[in-house]
Structure formats: structure tokens, C-alpha cells
């Protein structure tokens, strides 16, 4: 059931991106071109996404848990660290260079432009490299005795 709901939600998200024109890199780049032919439509799409997200957080705050089991994964950290700021900068630079971010890139895979395939492949390599680096960083941060006893926890994790 979870997989079916996830596929449905992903399909609605992709359809919304396509309907709003946000899968078109030229439209995204026009939004970023504030000194040229600026296209404000992306701001309206983002505003709609923020409104839907705010409504979701409001419902989640009153609910006992997700409808399909488990628990809500709402971040508790509110601080800005180098990792967050660096990731945001890399995301923004990539978005500004090619006009794609992960969601629209995955939607565009169905259309088949070679550039989108290169973008998604590069994105996946970046994710893999990050995970490898993060895993090495966790090993270095956890004392050997704790790791041996299985007591090492990842950042932010509690018992």
C-alpha cells in the first residue's frame, strides 16, 4: 500500500511540475534572469508548494501518526551549519547553470533529452560520493570502542 501511495504522490508531483512548466529548463532560467526577461511564474509555483507544505505540517501536528504507519520524520534541528549552507549553494549553482533540479530532471527523463540523462547520472554520482564521504566521516567521529559495541549513533539520532 505504501508503494502505491508513494507512486501516486510522485505522479501528482511530476504532473504538477509539468503542468506549471517547471520541467522546462528555459522557463526556470528565465525566472533566474532578474535583469533580463524575468518570468515570475516559478515564484507562484513555489508559493503554492509552500502553502501545501504548510497545510501538511499543520495536519501532521494534530495527527497521532501517519495514516500508513510509522512516525513522521519532521526535522528537529533549526541551526545552519556548513554542510547545509554548502549543499544549498551547490544546489543553487547547479540549478542556475542548467535550469534543472532533481524533481524536474526525473520528469524530463521520460522525454529523453541526452542532457537530462547526463544531469541525472551526475546527480546520482554526487549522491553516491556524498554517502561514501559521510560514512567515512561517521567512522572517524565514532570512538572505536563504541563502534565495536554497536553504540555508535549517527548525528541527531537518539535511542
C-alpha atoms as a PDB file:
ATOM      1  CA  UNK A   1       0.000   0.000   0.000  1.00  0.00           C
ATOM      2  CA  UNK A   2       2.840   2.388   0.883  1.00  0.00           C
ATOM      3  CA  UNK A   3       4.458   1.848  -2.511  1.00  0.00           C
ATOM      4  CA  UNK A   4       1.204   2.540  -4.340  1.00  0.00           C
ATOM      5  CA  UNK A   5       0.622   5.748  -2.361  1.00  0.00           C
ATOM      6  CA  UNK A   6       4.240   6.801  -2.925  1.00  0.00           C
ATOM      7  CA  UNK A   7       3.885   6.253  -6.672  1.00  0.00           C
ATOM      8  CA  UNK A   8       0.625   8.193  -6.692  1.00  0.00           C
ATOM      9  CA  UNK A   9       2.179  11.106  -4.782  1.00  0.00           C
ATOM     10  CA  UNK A  10       5.221  11.110  -7.071  1.00  0.00           C
ATOM     11  CA  UNK A  11       2.946  11.077 -10.112  1.00  0.00           C
ATOM     12  CA  UNK A  12       0.901  14.006  -8.796  1.00  0.00           C
ATOM     13  CA  UNK A  13       4.138  15.896  -8.036  1.00  0.00           C
ATOM     14  CA  UNK A  14       5.526  15.226 -11.522  1.00  0.00           C
ATOM     15  CA  UNK A  15       2.241  16.159 -13.185  1.00  0.00           C
ATOM     16  CA  UNK A  16       2.141  19.391 -11.185  1.00  0.00           C
ATOM     17  CA  UNK A  17       5.684  20.252 -12.257  1.00  0.00           C
ATOM     18  CA  UNK A  18       4.854  19.554 -15.883  1.00  0.00           C
ATOM     19  CA  UNK A  19       1.555  21.461 -15.743  1.00  0.00           C
ATOM     20  CA  UNK A  20       3.278  24.509 -14.214  1.00  0.00           C
ATOM     21  CA  UNK A  21       6.016  24.349 -16.863  1.00  0.00           C
ATOM     22  CA  UNK A  22       8.703  23.778 -14.241  1.00  0.00           C
ATOM     23  CA  UNK A  23      10.203  20.871 -16.194  1.00  0.00           C
ATOM     24  CA  UNK A  24      11.274  23.315 -18.894  1.00  0.00           C
ATOM     25  CA  UNK A  25      14.831  24.478 -18.081  1.00  0.00           C
ATOM     26  CA  UNK A  26      14.344  27.623 -20.212  1.00  0.00           C
ATOM     27  CA  UNK A  27      11.408  28.682 -18.024  1.00  0.00           C
ATOM     28  CA  UNK A  28      13.428  28.147 -14.838  1.00  0.00           C
ATOM     29  CA  UNK A  29      16.402  30.051 -16.253  1.00  0.00           C
ATOM     30  CA  UNK A  30      14.039  32.894 -17.243  1.00  0.00           C
ATOM     31  CA  UNK A  31      12.935  33.087 -13.593  1.00  0.00           C
ATOM     32  CA  UNK A  32      16.561  33.353 -12.503  1.00  0.00           C
ATOM     33  CA  UNK A  33      17.283  36.089 -15.082  1.00  0.00           C
ATOM     34  CA  UNK A  34      16.075  39.037 -12.980  1.00  0.00           C
ATOM     35  CA  UNK A  35      17.918  41.588 -15.129  1.00  0.00           C
ATOM     36  CA  UNK A  36      16.596  40.271 -18.452  1.00  0.00           C
ATOM     37  CA  UNK A  37      13.314  38.653 -19.473  1.00  0.00           C
ATOM     38  CA  UNK A  38      12.244  37.718 -15.944  1.00  0.00           C
ATOM     39  CA  UNK A  39       9.410  35.181 -15.709  1.00  0.00           C
ATOM     40  CA  UNK A  40       7.782  35.264 -12.227  1.00  0.00           C
ATOM     41  CA  UNK A  41       5.694  32.097 -12.731  1.00  0.00           C
ATOM     42  CA  UNK A  42       8.148  29.952 -10.760  1.00  0.00           C
ATOM     43  CA  UNK A  43       7.554  32.168  -7.720  1.00  0.00           C
ATOM     44  CA  UNK A  44       3.840  31.307  -7.921  1.00  0.00           C
ATOM     45  CA  UNK A  45       4.641  27.583  -8.215  1.00  0.00           C
ATOM     46  CA  UNK A  46       6.919  27.851  -5.167  1.00  0.00           C
ATOM     47  CA  UNK A  47       4.250  29.780  -3.259  1.00  0.00           C
ATOM     48  CA  UNK A  48       1.734  27.044  -3.982  1.00  0.00           C
ATOM     49  CA  UNK A  49       4.213  24.404  -2.819  1.00  0.00           C
ATOM     50  CA  UNK A  50       4.870  26.309   0.419  1.00  0.00           C
ATOM     51  CA  UNK A  51       1.119  26.607   1.064  1.00  0.00           C
ATOM     52  CA  UNK A  52       0.555  22.871   0.525  1.00  0.00           C
ATOM     53  CA  UNK A  53       3.565  22.045   2.726  1.00  0.00           C
ATOM     54  CA  UNK A  54       2.336  24.372   5.483  1.00  0.00           C
ATOM     55  CA  UNK A  55      -1.064  22.680   5.399  1.00  0.00           C
ATOM     56  CA  UNK A  56       0.654  19.276   5.590  1.00  0.00           C
ATOM     57  CA  UNK A  57       2.690  20.341   8.625  1.00  0.00           C
ATOM     58  CA  UNK A  58      -0.473  21.653  10.295  1.00  0.00           C
ATOM     59  CA  UNK A  59      -2.276  18.342   9.740  1.00  0.00           C
ATOM     60  CA  UNK A  60       0.786  16.358  10.874  1.00  0.00           C
ATOM     61  CA  UNK A  61       0.978  18.413  14.060  1.00  0.00           C
ATOM     62  CA  UNK A  62      -2.530  17.364  15.053  1.00  0.00           C
ATOM     63  CA  UNK A  63      -2.353  13.749  13.864  1.00  0.00           C
ATOM     64  CA  UNK A  64      -1.187  10.911  16.047  1.00  0.00           C
ATOM     65  CA  UNK A  65       0.928   9.496  13.245  1.00  0.00           C
ATOM     66  CA  UNK A  66       0.973   8.853   9.512  1.00  0.00           C
ATOM     67  CA  UNK A  67      -2.016   7.060   8.039  1.00  0.00           C
ATOM     68  CA  UNK A  68       0.163   4.272   6.680  1.00  0.00           C
ATOM     69  CA  UNK A  69       2.068   3.618   9.905  1.00  0.00           C
ATOM     70  CA  UNK A  70       5.474   4.517  11.231  1.00  0.00           C
ATOM     71  CA  UNK A  71       6.111   8.018  12.515  1.00  0.00           C
ATOM     72  CA  UNK A  72       6.526  11.455  10.998  1.00  0.00           C
ATOM     73  CA  UNK A  73      10.115  12.386  10.139  1.00  0.00           C
ATOM     74  CA  UNK A  74       9.956  16.092  10.970  1.00  0.00           C
ATOM     75  CA  UNK A  75      13.411  17.632  11.401  1.00  0.00           C
ATOM     76  CA  UNK A  76      14.137  18.903  14.889  1.00  0.00           C
ATOM     77  CA  UNK A  77      17.340  20.800  14.065  1.00  0.00           C
ATOM     78  CA  UNK A  78      16.981  24.505  13.371  1.00  0.00           C
ATOM     79  CA  UNK A  79      20.635  25.527  13.115  1.00  0.00           C
ATOM     80  CA  UNK A  80      22.514  26.412   9.957  1.00  0.00           C
ATOM     81  CA  UNK A  81      25.787  24.568   9.563  1.00  0.00           C
ATOM     82  CA  UNK A  82      28.463  24.432   6.866  1.00  0.00           C
ATOM     83  CA  UNK A  83      27.034  21.220   5.418  1.00  0.00           C
ATOM     84  CA  UNK A  84      23.564  22.722   4.947  1.00  0.00           C
ATOM     85  CA  UNK A  85      24.856  26.009   3.525  1.00  0.00           C
ATOM     86  CA  UNK A  86      27.342  24.255   1.237  1.00  0.00           C
ATOM     87  CA  UNK A  87      24.691  21.868  -0.050  1.00  0.00           C
ATOM     88  CA  UNK A  88      22.287  24.743  -0.688  1.00  0.00           C
ATOM     89  CA  UNK A  89      25.000  26.633  -2.570  1.00  0.00           C
ATOM     90  CA  UNK A  90      25.853  23.611  -4.729  1.00  0.00           C
ATOM     91  CA  UNK A  91      22.156  23.027  -5.427  1.00  0.00           C
ATOM     92  CA  UNK A  92      21.621  26.679  -6.368  1.00  0.00           C
ATOM     93  CA  UNK A  93      24.661  26.819  -8.623  1.00  0.00           C
ATOM     94  CA  UNK A  94      23.614  23.639 -10.424  1.00  0.00           C
ATOM     95  CA  UNK A  95      20.047  24.879 -10.748  1.00  0.00           C
ATOM     96  CA  UNK A  96      21.238  28.196 -12.153  1.00  0.00           C
ATOM     97  CA  UNK A  97      23.612  26.576 -14.632  1.00  0.00           C
ATOM     98  CA  UNK A  98      21.207  24.101 -16.219  1.00  0.00           C
ATOM     99  CA  UNK A  99      17.716  25.086 -15.051  1.00  0.00           C
ATOM    100  CA  UNK A 100      17.003  21.668 -13.533  1.00  0.00           C
ATOM    101  CA  UNK A 101      16.732  20.298 -10.040  1.00  0.00           C
ATOM    102  CA  UNK A 102      16.120  16.635  -9.128  1.00  0.00           C
ATOM    103  CA  UNK A 103      12.306  16.526  -9.469  1.00  0.00           C
ATOM    104  CA  UNK A 104      12.042  18.127 -12.921  1.00  0.00           C
ATOM    105  CA  UNK A 105      15.105  16.189 -14.086  1.00  0.00           C
ATOM    106  CA  UNK A 106      13.412  12.884 -13.253  1.00  0.00           C
ATOM    107  CA  UNK A 107      10.227  14.028 -15.001  1.00  0.00           C
ATOM    108  CA  UNK A 108      12.308  15.021 -18.046  1.00  0.00           C
ATOM    109  CA  UNK A 109      13.870  11.558 -18.263  1.00  0.00           C
ATOM    110  CA  UNK A 110      10.625  10.393 -19.859  1.00  0.00           C
ATOM    111  CA  UNK A 111      11.202  12.876 -22.708  1.00  0.00           C
ATOM    112  CA  UNK A 112      14.713  11.581 -23.291  1.00  0.00           C
ATOM    113  CA  UNK A 113      16.989  14.593 -23.869  1.00  0.00           C
ATOM    114  CA  UNK A 114      20.582  13.395 -23.566  1.00  0.00           C
ATOM    115  CA  UNK A 115      21.473  16.407 -21.399  1.00  0.00           C
ATOM    116  CA  UNK A 116      18.902  15.332 -18.806  1.00  0.00           C
ATOM    117  CA  UNK A 117      20.368  11.836 -18.716  1.00  0.00           C
ATOM    118  CA  UNK A 118      23.830  13.330 -18.106  1.00  0.00           C
ATOM    119  CA  UNK A 119      22.390  15.571 -15.367  1.00  0.00           C
ATOM    120  CA  UNK A 120      20.651  12.697 -13.570  1.00  0.00           C
ATOM    121  CA  UNK A 121      23.726  10.446 -13.873  1.00  0.00           C
ATOM    122  CA  UNK A 122      25.901  13.226 -12.435  1.00  0.00           C
ATOM    123  CA  UNK A 123      23.389  13.790  -9.647  1.00  0.00           C
ATOM    124  CA  UNK A 124      23.449  10.093  -8.743  1.00  0.00           C
ATOM    125  CA  UNK A 125      27.259  10.056  -8.733  1.00  0.00           C
ATOM    126  CA  UNK A 126      27.206  13.102  -6.439  1.00  0.00           C
ATOM    127  CA  UNK A 127      24.783  11.378  -4.062  1.00  0.00           C
ATOM    128  CA  UNK A 128      26.969   8.268  -4.004  1.00  0.00           C
ATOM    129  CA  UNK A 129      30.137  10.292  -3.345  1.00  0.00           C
ATOM    130  CA  UNK A 130      28.410  12.191  -0.529  1.00  0.00           C
ATOM    131  CA  UNK A 131      27.213   8.985   1.102  1.00  0.00           C
ATOM    132  CA  UNK A 132      30.685   7.473   0.901  1.00  0.00           C
ATOM    133  CA  UNK A 133      32.248  10.609   2.403  1.00  0.00           C
ATOM    134  CA  UNK A 134      29.584  10.820   5.136  1.00  0.00           C
ATOM    135  CA  UNK A 135      30.096   7.179   6.050  1.00  0.00           C
ATOM    136  CA  UNK A 136      33.861   7.740   6.336  1.00  0.00           C
ATOM    137  CA  UNK A 137      33.194  10.835   8.459  1.00  0.00           C
ATOM    138  CA  UNK A 138      30.903   8.887  10.793  1.00  0.00           C
ATOM    139  CA  UNK A 139      33.529   6.190  11.263  1.00  0.00           C
ATOM    140  CA  UNK A 140      36.105   8.814  12.141  1.00  0.00           C
ATOM    141  CA  UNK A 141      33.730  10.550  14.600  1.00  0.00           C
ATOM    142  CA  UNK A 142      32.672   7.408  16.494  1.00  0.00           C
ATOM    143  CA  UNK A 143      35.168   6.089  19.062  1.00  0.00           C
ATOM    144  CA  UNK A 144      36.363   2.589  18.225  1.00  0.00           C
ATOM    145  CA  UNK A 145      35.046   1.089  21.472  1.00  0.00           C
ATOM    146  CA  UNK A 146      31.525   2.411  20.816  1.00  0.00           C
ATOM    147  CA  UNK A 147      31.528   1.136  17.245  1.00  0.00           C
ATOM    148  CA  UNK A 148      32.672  -2.298  18.397  1.00  0.00           C
ATOM    149  CA  UNK A 149      29.896  -2.463  20.993  1.00  0.00           C
ATOM    150  CA  UNK A 150      27.354  -1.142  18.456  1.00  0.00           C
ATOM    151  CA  UNK A 151      26.717   2.008  20.458  1.00  0.00           C
ATOM    152  CA  UNK A 152      27.792   4.468  17.757  1.00  0.00           C
ATOM    153  CA  UNK A 153      24.866   6.578  16.583  1.00  0.00           C
ATOM    154  CA  UNK A 154      24.605   8.872  13.625  1.00  0.00           C
ATOM    155  CA  UNK A 155      24.273  12.618  14.112  1.00  0.00           C
ATOM    156  CA  UNK A 156      20.888  13.598  15.530  1.00  0.00           C
ATOM    157  CA  UNK A 157      19.851  10.023  16.243  1.00  0.00           C
ATOM    158  CA  UNK A 158      18.544   9.181  19.716  1.00  0.00           C
ATOM    159  CA  UNK A 159      17.689   5.988  21.497  1.00  0.00           C
END
